[in-house]
Full PDB file with SEQRES, HELIX, SHEET, SSBOND, CRYST1, ORIGX, SCALE, CONECT and MASTER records, all heavy atoms in Angstrom:
SEQRES   1 A   30  ALA GLY GLU SER LEU ALA ASP GLY ALA ASP ARG LEU THR          
SEQRES   2 A   30  ALA ALA LEU ARG ALA ILE GLY ASP ARG TYR TYR GLY ARG          
SEQRES   3 A   30  ALA THR LEU VAL                                              
HELIX    1 AA1 LEU A    5  ARG A   22  1                                  18    
CRYST1    1.000    1.000    1.000  90.00  90.00  90.00 P 1           1          
ORIGX1      1.000000  0.000000  0.000000        0.00000                         
ORIGX2      0.000000  1.000000  0.000000        0.00000                         
ORIGX3      0.000000  0.000000  1.000000        0.00000                         
SCALE1      1.000000  0.000000  0.000000        0.00000                         
SCALE2      0.000000  1.000000  0.000000        0.00000                         
SCALE3      0.000000  0.000000  1.000000        0.00000                         
ATOM      1  N   ALA A   1      22.073 -21.315  -4.916  1.00  0.00           N  
ATOM      2  CA  ALA A   1      20.906 -21.786  -5.656  1.00  0.00           C  
ATOM      3  C   ALA A   1      19.658 -21.718  -4.909  1.00  0.00           C  
ATOM      4  O   ALA A   1      18.749 -22.142  -5.210  1.00  0.00           O  
ATOM      5  CB  ALA A   1      21.193 -23.165  -6.055  1.00  0.00           C  
ATOM      6  N   GLY A   2      19.657 -20.998  -3.676  1.00  0.00           N  
ATOM      7  CA  GLY A   2      18.456 -20.818  -2.964  1.00  0.00           C  
ATOM      8  C   GLY A   2      17.637 -19.725  -3.452  1.00  0.00           C  
ATOM      9  O   GLY A   2      17.831 -19.155  -4.545  1.00  0.00           O  
ATOM     10  N   GLU A   3      16.764 -19.139  -2.550  1.00  0.00           N  
ATOM     11  CA  GLU A   3      15.890 -17.980  -3.013  1.00  0.00           C  
ATOM     12  C   GLU A   3      16.142 -16.851  -2.055  1.00  0.00           C  
ATOM     13  O   GLU A   3      16.609 -17.001  -0.878  1.00  0.00           O  
ATOM     14  CB  GLU A   3      14.470 -18.405  -3.049  1.00  0.00           C  
ATOM     15  CG  GLU A   3      13.792 -18.773  -1.773  1.00  0.00           C  
ATOM     16  CD  GLU A   3      12.408 -19.267  -2.037  1.00  0.00           C  
ATOM     17  OE1 GLU A   3      11.763 -19.119  -3.095  1.00  0.00           O  
ATOM     18  OE2 GLU A   3      11.858 -19.945  -1.171  1.00  0.00           O  
ATOM     19  N   SER A   4      15.808 -15.583  -2.508  1.00  0.00           N  
ATOM     20  CA  SER A   4      15.929 -14.427  -1.791  1.00  0.00           C  
ATOM     21  C   SER A   4      14.753 -14.354  -0.944  1.00  0.00           C  
ATOM     22  O   SER A   4      13.686 -14.987  -0.947  1.00  0.00           O  
ATOM     23  CB  SER A   4      16.083 -13.219  -2.635  1.00  0.00           C  
ATOM     24  OG  SER A   4      14.850 -13.001  -3.412  1.00  0.00           O  
ATOM     25  N   LEU A   5      14.772 -13.310   0.074  1.00  0.00           N  
ATOM     26  CA  LEU A   5      13.582 -12.963   0.845  1.00  0.00           C  
ATOM     27  C   LEU A   5      12.447 -12.569   0.035  1.00  0.00           C  
ATOM     28  O   LEU A   5      11.296 -12.984   0.267  1.00  0.00           O  
ATOM     29  CB  LEU A   5      13.998 -11.864   1.712  1.00  0.00           C  
ATOM     30  CG  LEU A   5      14.767 -12.117   3.022  1.00  0.00           C  
ATOM     31  CD1 LEU A   5      15.242 -10.850   3.724  1.00  0.00           C  
ATOM     32  CD2 LEU A   5      14.203 -13.137   3.884  1.00  0.00           C  
ATOM     33  N   ALA A   6      12.676 -11.771  -1.017  1.00  0.00           N  
ATOM     34  CA  ALA A   6      11.647 -11.359  -1.943  1.00  0.00           C  
ATOM     35  C   ALA A   6      10.979 -12.536  -2.644  1.00  0.00           C  
ATOM     36  O   ALA A   6       9.838 -12.746  -2.885  1.00  0.00           O  
ATOM     37  CB  ALA A   6      12.020 -10.354  -2.953  1.00  0.00           C  
ATOM     38  N   ASP A   7      11.822 -13.497  -3.088  1.00  0.00           N  
ATOM     39  CA  ASP A   7      11.386 -14.690  -3.925  1.00  0.00           C  
ATOM     40  C   ASP A   7      10.441 -15.527  -2.888  1.00  0.00           C  
ATOM     41  O   ASP A   7       9.418 -16.036  -3.183  1.00  0.00           O  
ATOM     42  CB  ASP A   7      12.492 -15.564  -4.338  1.00  0.00           C  
ATOM     43  CG  ASP A   7      13.250 -14.993  -5.383  1.00  0.00           C  
ATOM     44  OD1 ASP A   7      12.800 -14.066  -6.175  1.00  0.00           O  
ATOM     45  OD2 ASP A   7      14.462 -15.439  -5.591  1.00  0.00           O  
ATOM     46  N   GLY A   8      10.965 -15.676  -1.668  1.00  0.00           N  
ATOM     47  CA  GLY A   8      10.164 -16.352  -0.630  1.00  0.00           C  
ATOM     48  C   GLY A   8       8.861 -15.777  -0.432  1.00  0.00           C  
ATOM     49  O   GLY A   8       7.666 -16.344  -0.232  1.00  0.00           O  
ATOM     50  N   ALA A   9       8.826 -14.438  -0.301  1.00  0.00           N  
ATOM     51  CA  ALA A   9       7.555 -13.680  -0.001  1.00  0.00           C  
ATOM     52  C   ALA A   9       6.589 -13.859  -1.257  1.00  0.00           C  
ATOM     53  O   ALA A   9       5.442 -13.981  -1.019  1.00  0.00           O  
ATOM     54  CB  ALA A   9       7.814 -12.253   0.280  1.00  0.00           C  
ATOM     55  N   ASP A  10       7.123 -13.737  -2.409  1.00  0.00           N  
ATOM     56  CA  ASP A  10       6.327 -13.993  -3.657  1.00  0.00           C  
ATOM     57  C   ASP A  10       5.688 -15.281  -3.608  1.00  0.00           C  
ATOM     58  O   ASP A  10       4.481 -15.506  -3.832  1.00  0.00           O  
ATOM     59  CB  ASP A  10       7.091 -13.703  -4.808  1.00  0.00           C  
ATOM     60  CG  ASP A  10       7.564 -12.362  -5.076  1.00  0.00           C  
ATOM     61  OD1 ASP A  10       7.006 -11.364  -4.588  1.00  0.00           O  
ATOM     62  OD2 ASP A  10       8.494 -12.037  -5.896  1.00  0.00           O  
ATOM     63  N   ARG A  11       6.408 -16.374  -3.325  1.00  0.00           N  
ATOM     64  CA  ARG A  11       5.975 -17.690  -3.376  1.00  0.00           C  
ATOM     65  C   ARG A  11       4.888 -17.747  -2.325  1.00  0.00           C  
ATOM     66  O   ARG A  11       3.725 -18.458  -2.556  1.00  0.00           O  
ATOM     67  CB  ARG A  11       6.991 -18.719  -3.089  1.00  0.00           C  
ATOM     68  CG  ARG A  11       6.682 -20.142  -3.294  1.00  0.00           C  
ATOM     69  CD  ARG A  11       7.972 -21.052  -3.396  1.00  0.00           C  
ATOM     70  NE  ARG A  11       8.930 -20.769  -2.377  1.00  0.00           N  
ATOM     71  CZ  ARG A  11       8.867 -21.348  -1.128  1.00  0.00           C  
ATOM     72  NH1 ARG A  11       7.854 -22.015  -0.747  1.00  0.00           N  
ATOM     73  NH2 ARG A  11       9.765 -21.137  -0.220  1.00  0.00           N  
ATOM     74  N   LEU A  12       5.026 -17.414  -1.015  1.00  0.00           N  
ATOM     75  CA  LEU A  12       4.050 -17.387   0.065  1.00  0.00           C  
ATOM     76  C   LEU A  12       2.781 -16.604  -0.390  1.00  0.00           C  
ATOM     77  O   LEU A  12       1.578 -17.105  -0.096  1.00  0.00           O  
ATOM     78  CB  LEU A  12       4.529 -16.998   1.375  1.00  0.00           C  
ATOM     79  CG  LEU A  12       3.512 -17.033   2.566  1.00  0.00           C  
ATOM     80  CD1 LEU A  12       3.077 -18.472   2.790  1.00  0.00           C  
ATOM     81  CD2 LEU A  12       4.309 -16.520   3.867  1.00  0.00           C  
ATOM     82  N   THR A  13       2.942 -15.471  -0.925  1.00  0.00           N  
ATOM     83  CA  THR A  13       1.862 -14.663  -1.337  1.00  0.00           C  
ATOM     84  C   THR A  13       1.045 -15.434  -2.433  1.00  0.00           C  
ATOM     85  O   THR A  13      -0.243 -15.328  -2.293  1.00  0.00           O  
ATOM     86  CB  THR A  13       2.348 -13.330  -1.931  1.00  0.00           C  
ATOM     87  OG1 THR A  13       3.165 -12.548  -0.932  1.00  0.00           O  
ATOM     88  CG2 THR A  13       1.135 -12.586  -2.330  1.00  0.00           C  
ATOM     89  N   ALA A  14       1.620 -16.036  -3.322  1.00  0.00           N  
ATOM     90  CA  ALA A  14       0.770 -16.788  -4.312  1.00  0.00           C  
ATOM     91  C   ALA A  14      -0.060 -17.858  -3.744  1.00  0.00           C  
ATOM     92  O   ALA A  14      -1.187 -18.120  -3.945  1.00  0.00           O  
ATOM     93  CB  ALA A  14       1.781 -17.374  -5.477  1.00  0.00           C  
ATOM     94  N   ALA A  15       0.678 -18.650  -2.768  1.00  0.00           N  
ATOM     95  CA  ALA A  15       0.015 -19.747  -2.076  1.00  0.00           C  
ATOM     96  C   ALA A  15      -1.225 -19.138  -1.206  1.00  0.00           C  
ATOM     97  O   ALA A  15      -2.384 -19.650  -1.235  1.00  0.00           O  
ATOM     98  CB  ALA A  15       0.938 -20.469  -1.185  1.00  0.00           C  
ATOM     99  N   LEU A  16      -0.974 -18.034  -0.568  1.00  0.00           N  
ATOM    100  CA  LEU A  16      -2.091 -17.393   0.213  1.00  0.00           C  
ATOM    101  C   LEU A  16      -3.131 -16.847  -0.622  1.00  0.00           C  
ATOM    102  O   LEU A  16      -4.331 -16.985  -0.224  1.00  0.00           O  
ATOM    103  CB  LEU A  16      -1.540 -16.434   1.157  1.00  0.00           C  
ATOM    104  CG  LEU A  16      -0.673 -16.899   2.337  1.00  0.00           C  
ATOM    105  CD1 LEU A  16       0.077 -15.745   3.090  1.00  0.00           C  
ATOM    106  CD2 LEU A  16      -1.370 -17.739   3.218  1.00  0.00           C  
ATOM    107  N   ARG A  17      -2.954 -16.424  -1.765  1.00  0.00           N  
ATOM    108  CA  ARG A  17      -3.901 -15.909  -2.583  1.00  0.00           C  
ATOM    109  C   ARG A  17      -4.768 -17.084  -3.153  1.00  0.00           C  
ATOM    110  O   ARG A  17      -6.036 -16.859  -3.211  1.00  0.00           O  
ATOM    111  CB  ARG A  17      -3.301 -15.254  -3.943  1.00  0.00           C  
ATOM    112  CG  ARG A  17      -2.893 -13.801  -3.681  1.00  0.00           C  
ATOM    113  CD  ARG A  17      -2.574 -13.194  -4.977  1.00  0.00           C  
ATOM    114  NE  ARG A  17      -1.755 -12.000  -4.711  1.00  0.00           N  
ATOM    115  CZ  ARG A  17      -2.336 -10.864  -4.116  1.00  0.00           C  
ATOM    116  NH1 ARG A  17      -3.582 -10.849  -3.816  1.00  0.00           N  
ATOM    117  NH2 ARG A  17      -1.618  -9.750  -4.004  1.00  0.00           N  
ATOM    118  N   ALA A  18      -4.192 -18.155  -3.382  1.00  0.00           N  
ATOM    119  CA  ALA A  18      -4.983 -19.308  -3.759  1.00  0.00           C  
ATOM    120  C   ALA A  18      -5.859 -19.849  -2.626  1.00  0.00           C  
ATOM    121  O   ALA A  18      -7.013 -20.163  -2.851  1.00  0.00           O  
ATOM    122  CB  ALA A  18      -4.044 -20.574  -4.191  1.00  0.00           C  
ATOM    123  N   ILE A  19      -5.438 -19.812  -1.535  1.00  0.00           N  
ATOM    124  CA  ILE A  19      -6.270 -20.162  -0.367  1.00  0.00           C  
ATOM    125  C   ILE A  19      -7.290 -19.086  -0.091  1.00  0.00           C  
ATOM    126  O   ILE A  19      -8.497 -19.582   0.185  1.00  0.00           O  
ATOM    127  CB  ILE A  19      -5.328 -20.278   0.967  1.00  0.00           C  
ATOM    128  CG1 ILE A  19      -4.424 -21.413   0.851  1.00  0.00           C  
ATOM    129  CG2 ILE A  19      -6.274 -20.368   2.248  1.00  0.00           C  
ATOM    130  CD1 ILE A  19      -3.278 -21.608   1.863  1.00  0.00           C  
ATOM    131  N   GLY A  20      -6.980 -17.861  -0.234  1.00  0.00           N  
ATOM    132  CA  GLY A  20      -7.960 -16.778  -0.017  1.00  0.00           C  
ATOM    133  C   GLY A  20      -9.053 -16.825  -1.152  1.00  0.00           C  
ATOM    134  O   GLY A  20     -10.200 -16.585  -0.676  1.00  0.00           O  
ATOM    135  N   ASP A  21      -8.691 -17.150  -2.292  1.00  0.00           N  
ATOM    136  CA  ASP A  21      -9.723 -17.259  -3.364  1.00  0.00           C  
ATOM    137  C   ASP A  21     -10.610 -18.379  -3.216  1.00  0.00           C  
ATOM    138  O   ASP A  21     -11.837 -18.404  -3.387  1.00  0.00           O  
ATOM    139  CB  ASP A  21      -8.974 -17.490  -4.755  1.00  0.00           C  
ATOM    140  CG  ASP A  21      -8.405 -16.142  -5.236  1.00  0.00           C  
ATOM    141  OD1 ASP A  21      -8.672 -15.108  -4.600  1.00  0.00           O  
ATOM    142  OD2 ASP A  21      -7.462 -16.219  -6.122  1.00  0.00           O  
ATOM    143  N   ARG A  22     -10.066 -19.555  -2.567  1.00  0.00           N  
ATOM    144  CA  ARG A  22     -10.832 -20.713  -2.357  1.00  0.00           C  
ATOM    145  C   ARG A  22     -11.800 -20.522  -1.095  1.00  0.00           C  
ATOM    146  O   ARG A  22     -12.979 -20.949  -1.082  1.00  0.00           O  
ATOM    147  CB  ARG A  22     -10.077 -21.962  -2.071  1.00  0.00           C  
ATOM    148  CG  ARG A  22     -10.786 -23.245  -1.993  1.00  0.00           C  
ATOM    149  CD  ARG A  22      -9.851 -24.390  -1.987  1.00  0.00           C  
ATOM    150  NE  ARG A  22     -10.634 -25.565  -1.821  1.00  0.00           N  
ATOM    151  CZ  ARG A  22     -10.126 -26.770  -1.600  1.00  0.00           C  
ATOM    152  NH1 ARG A  22      -8.869 -26.907  -1.654  1.00  0.00           N  
ATOM    153  NH2 ARG A  22     -11.029 -27.797  -1.545  1.00  0.00           N  
ATOM    154  N   TYR A  23     -11.240 -19.838  -0.129  1.00  0.00           N  
ATOM    155  CA  TYR A  23     -12.021 -19.706   1.119  1.00  0.00           C  
ATOM    156  C   TYR A  23     -12.440 -18.217   1.309  1.00  0.00           C  
ATOM    157  O   TYR A  23     -12.210 -17.786   2.414  1.00  0.00           O  
ATOM    158  CB  TYR A  23     -11.321 -20.370   2.275  1.00  0.00           C  
ATOM    159  CG  TYR A  23     -11.037 -21.752   2.117  1.00  0.00           C  
ATOM    160  CD1 TYR A  23      -9.731 -22.250   1.698  1.00  0.00           C  
ATOM    161  CD2 TYR A  23     -12.104 -22.699   2.273  1.00  0.00           C  
ATOM    162  CE1 TYR A  23      -9.600 -23.626   1.619  1.00  0.00           C  
ATOM    163  CE2 TYR A  23     -11.836 -24.167   2.130  1.00  0.00           C  
ATOM    164  CZ  TYR A  23     -10.609 -24.542   1.746  1.00  0.00           C  
ATOM    165  OH  TYR A  23     -10.384 -25.870   1.632  1.00  0.00           O  
ATOM    166  N   TYR A  24     -12.949 -17.657   0.314  1.00  0.00           N  
ATOM    167  CA  TYR A  24     -13.235 -16.233   0.332  1.00  0.00           C  
ATOM    168  C   TYR A  24     -13.972 -15.838   1.612  1.00  0.00           C  
ATOM    169  O   TYR A  24     -15.007 -16.420   1.955  1.00  0.00           O  
ATOM    170  CB  TYR A  24     -13.926 -15.839  -0.921  1.00  0.00           C  
ATOM    171  CG  TYR A  24     -14.069 -14.359  -1.117  1.00  0.00           C  
ATOM    172  CD1 TYR A  24     -13.048 -13.561  -1.558  1.00  0.00           C  
ATOM    173  CD2 TYR A  24     -15.300 -13.735  -0.773  1.00  0.00           C  
ATOM    174  CE1 TYR A  24     -13.173 -12.216  -1.707  1.00  0.00           C  
ATOM    175  CE2 TYR A  24     -15.379 -12.334  -0.961  1.00  0.00           C  
ATOM    176  CZ  TYR A  24     -14.372 -11.555  -1.244  1.00  0.00           C  
ATOM    177  OH  TYR A  24     -14.429 -10.257  -1.434  1.00  0.00           O  
ATOM    178  N   GLY A  25     -13.580 -14.676   2.245  1.00  0.00           N  
ATOM    179  CA  GLY A  25     -14.305 -14.166   3.389  1.00  0.00           C  
ATOM    180  C   GLY A  25     -13.909 -14.776   4.750  1.00  0.00           C  
ATOM    181  O   GLY A  25     -14.519 -14.387   5.732  1.00  0.00           O  
ATOM    182  N   ARG A  26     -13.115 -15.823   4.736  1.00  0.00           N  
ATOM    183  CA  ARG A  26     -12.666 -16.499   5.956  1.00  0.00           C  
ATOM    184  C   ARG A  26     -11.272 -15.972   6.373  1.00  0.00           C  
ATOM    185  O   ARG A  26     -10.385 -15.713   5.484  1.00  0.00           O  
ATOM    186  CB  ARG A  26     -12.673 -17.906   5.758  1.00  0.00           C  
ATOM    187  CG  ARG A  26     -14.052 -18.403   5.508  1.00  0.00           C  
ATOM    188  CD  ARG A  26     -13.989 -19.972   5.493  1.00  0.00           C  
ATOM    189  NE  ARG A  26     -15.214 -20.640   5.172  1.00  0.00           N  
ATOM    190  CZ  ARG A  26     -15.534 -21.894   4.849  1.00  0.00           C  
ATOM    191  NH1 ARG A  26     -14.383 -22.701   4.999  1.00  0.00           N  
ATOM    192  NH2 ARG A  26     -16.655 -22.289   4.691  1.00  0.00           N  
ATOM    193  N   ALA A  27     -11.061 -15.936   7.546  1.00  0.00           N  
ATOM    194  CA  ALA A  27      -9.581 -15.644   8.077  1.00  0.00           C  
ATOM    195  C   ALA A  27      -8.676 -16.953   7.885  1.00  0.00           C  
ATOM    196  O   ALA A  27      -9.172 -17.982   7.924  1.00  0.00           O  
ATOM    197  CB  ALA A  27      -9.576 -15.276   9.583  1.00  0.00           C  
ATOM    198  N   THR A  28      -7.511 -16.655   7.735  1.00  0.00           N  
ATOM    199  CA  THR A  28      -6.445 -17.772   7.471  1.00  0.00           C  
ATOM    200  C   THR A  28      -5.425 -17.691   8.473  1.00  0.00           C  
ATOM    201  O   THR A  28      -4.854 -16.633   8.774  1.00  0.00           O  
ATOM    202  CB  THR A  28      -5.862 -17.477   6.023  1.00  0.00           C  
ATOM    203  OG1 THR A  28      -6.868 -17.663   5.065  1.00  0.00           O  
ATOM    204  CG2 THR A  28      -4.812 -18.656   5.870  1.00  0.00           C  
ATOM    205  N   LEU A  29      -5.178 -18.746   9.173  1.00  0.00           N  
ATOM    206  CA  LEU A  29      -4.097 -18.863  10.239  1.00  0.00           C  
ATOM    207  C   LEU A  29      -2.864 -19.367   9.375  1.00  0.00           C  
ATOM    208  O   LEU A  29      -2.893 -20.449   8.715  1.00  0.00           O  
ATOM    209  CB  LEU A  29      -4.407 -19.824  11.187  1.00  0.00           C  
ATOM    210  CG  LEU A  29      -3.351 -20.184  12.194  1.00  0.00           C  
ATOM    211  CD1 LEU A  29      -2.960 -19.083  12.983  1.00  0.00           C  
ATOM    212  CD2 LEU A  29      -3.763 -21.427  13.119  1.00  0.00           C  
ATOM    213  N   VAL A  30      -1.748 -18.658   9.469  1.00  0.00           N  
ATOM    214  CA  VAL A  30      -0.571 -19.048   8.780  1.00  0.00           C  
ATOM    215  C   VAL A  30       0.565 -19.293   9.795  1.00  0.00           C  
ATOM    216  O   VAL A  30       0.758 -18.499  10.603  1.00  0.00           O  
ATOM    217  CB  VAL A  30       0.016 -17.734   7.816  1.00  0.00           C  
ATOM    218  CG1 VAL A  30       1.229 -18.288   7.137  1.00  0.00           C  
ATOM    219  CG2 VAL A  30      -1.037 -17.349   6.920  1.00  0.00           C  
TER     220      VAL A  30                                                      
MASTER        0    0    0    1    0    0    0    6  219    1    0    3          
END                                                                             
């Protein structure tokens, strides 16, 4: 019932897009 590597990457990508949109032009440390 877990998630695949692709599912995990999609979820992280969505979270990073939200951060990137909020702090546009700044580097993000993950």
